[in-house]
Amino acid sequence: MKRLTRFLGLVAAAAVLWFSGPARAQYTHRQNPGDTSQTLPSLSATGAYVCLGTAGAATDLLTLSGAATGATVAFWHTPDQVNYYALPLYPISQTTGGWGPAATTYVYTASTPVSFIGPSLGDKQFCVSLTAISTSSVSFQMDADPAPMFSVASAPPGSSLNPAVPATGSLATSGNIVSFNISGAQWATARFVFSGTFASQTLEFDYSIDGVNWTASGQGAPYVKRVDAVSANPSVVIGSTATQGGNSLSFNINTYGASTWELPLAGNVQAVRVKALSTAGAAVVTISAGLPYVPGDQTTYTFFDVTSAANTALNTGILEVAGWNSALVFESNPAAGSGQILQIDDAGGNMNAAMVAIGAIPAWFNLAKGNGASLTATVSTQGVYYAPLPKRIIVNTIAVSGLTSRIRIEASR
């Protein structure tokens, strides 16, 4: 009896190790469980799917290999192998370990293995297919892991605290909107990846601090930075259509084509979006979380940067600066020129007096939380000045015949 009890105890212990060990958990959803010598499935033509059961898994993993050329791989999740839904995955460099922006397709380069990771979305199967291929084939190593690798603060997927699933949508028609919940308290930047076919089409980037109201066109419209082109001075442009200081400004996607843009986030941002302002082409945007916010690592954002036309006033419109720790305001007024920094109340009105009146000089103003009043109401000498950071501000200049002025505002946290 003692021998039988001991034997059953050993069997039970072995079973616990077998089913609960990390290696066994990893192999629970794998094409070649525990045996990497098995031949990987591959595709050499469009129209077919390779799928892996993922019931109970939280994270999908994929590695592509093979000698294919001209191959476009599409990622899917499906509950029934009848209805297939696009699945965004993040590419991982096998040389640097760095992550790229999430996408639902990938153009594979022959003989250059690449890996991907993404959420399972709770469906039964994770699938891949080819939407294009020229020669040879692509092989697939597919795994699914029960460990959730995308949870943030226990928030549900798709919430502003846990944007686990990037948003992808068409911008082909005027009025089309692709929005994405993301919290500036958790993320430093949001990423926008444009693909598809392009024509002359204007777009508008917006952000919201409450999920209901969005930045108005030309009034505090966000500036975005291009991050997919090598440059000592990456493009930073207004993500909107506006007339400021006599300048007609717009974001025309046909100017840039397939490109990736980044929007630094204030701490109180809850959502971002892209809106088509005209109908043209067949542009598609995927919006995802960018860099996580790490307290102590500075995030800097260009709020406004315009040089006026001659004899034209400048006005920034209402800027929501409460989500930043500081704002560096540069204003250059020509001879006989002047400008103001105004504190704006919740109803959109000013405080009946300029917070700062600026004479015909260039000057810098560091508005920061905790700053005391260290400047007079009127500044007439070139220099750097300090003042508190209000919740909302407007910066303006007057028109001067034959001369220009400039306002640049940088925010950081």
Foldseek 3Di string as FASTA:
>chain_A
DVVVVVVVVVVVVVVCCCCVPPLNLFQVWWPDRPDPVDDFDKDWDFDDKDKIFAALFWKKKKKKAAFWAQWKKFKWFDQPVPDTDQAWKWKAQPVPRDTDDTDGMDHDHHGRMIMIMATNVNHGMIMMGTPTTDDTIMGMTMTTGNDNPQDFPNDDDQFQRGVRGWWKDKQQAAFDKIKGWHALQWAFKKKKWKAFWFDFWFKFKWWDLPVPDIQDAQAQGFWKFFDPDDDPDTDTFGRHFDQFQNDTGTDTCVVPHGTMIMTGDFRRTTMMMMGTRHHDGIMMMIMDGDGTDDPPDKRKGWRDKDKHDAQTKGKNHKHQQQSFFKKKKKKAAAVVKKKAKFAADPVGHTPPAGCAIEGRGIEIEIAGAPDPADDDNYDDDHYYYYHHDHRMIMIMMGHDHPDMMIMIMMTMD
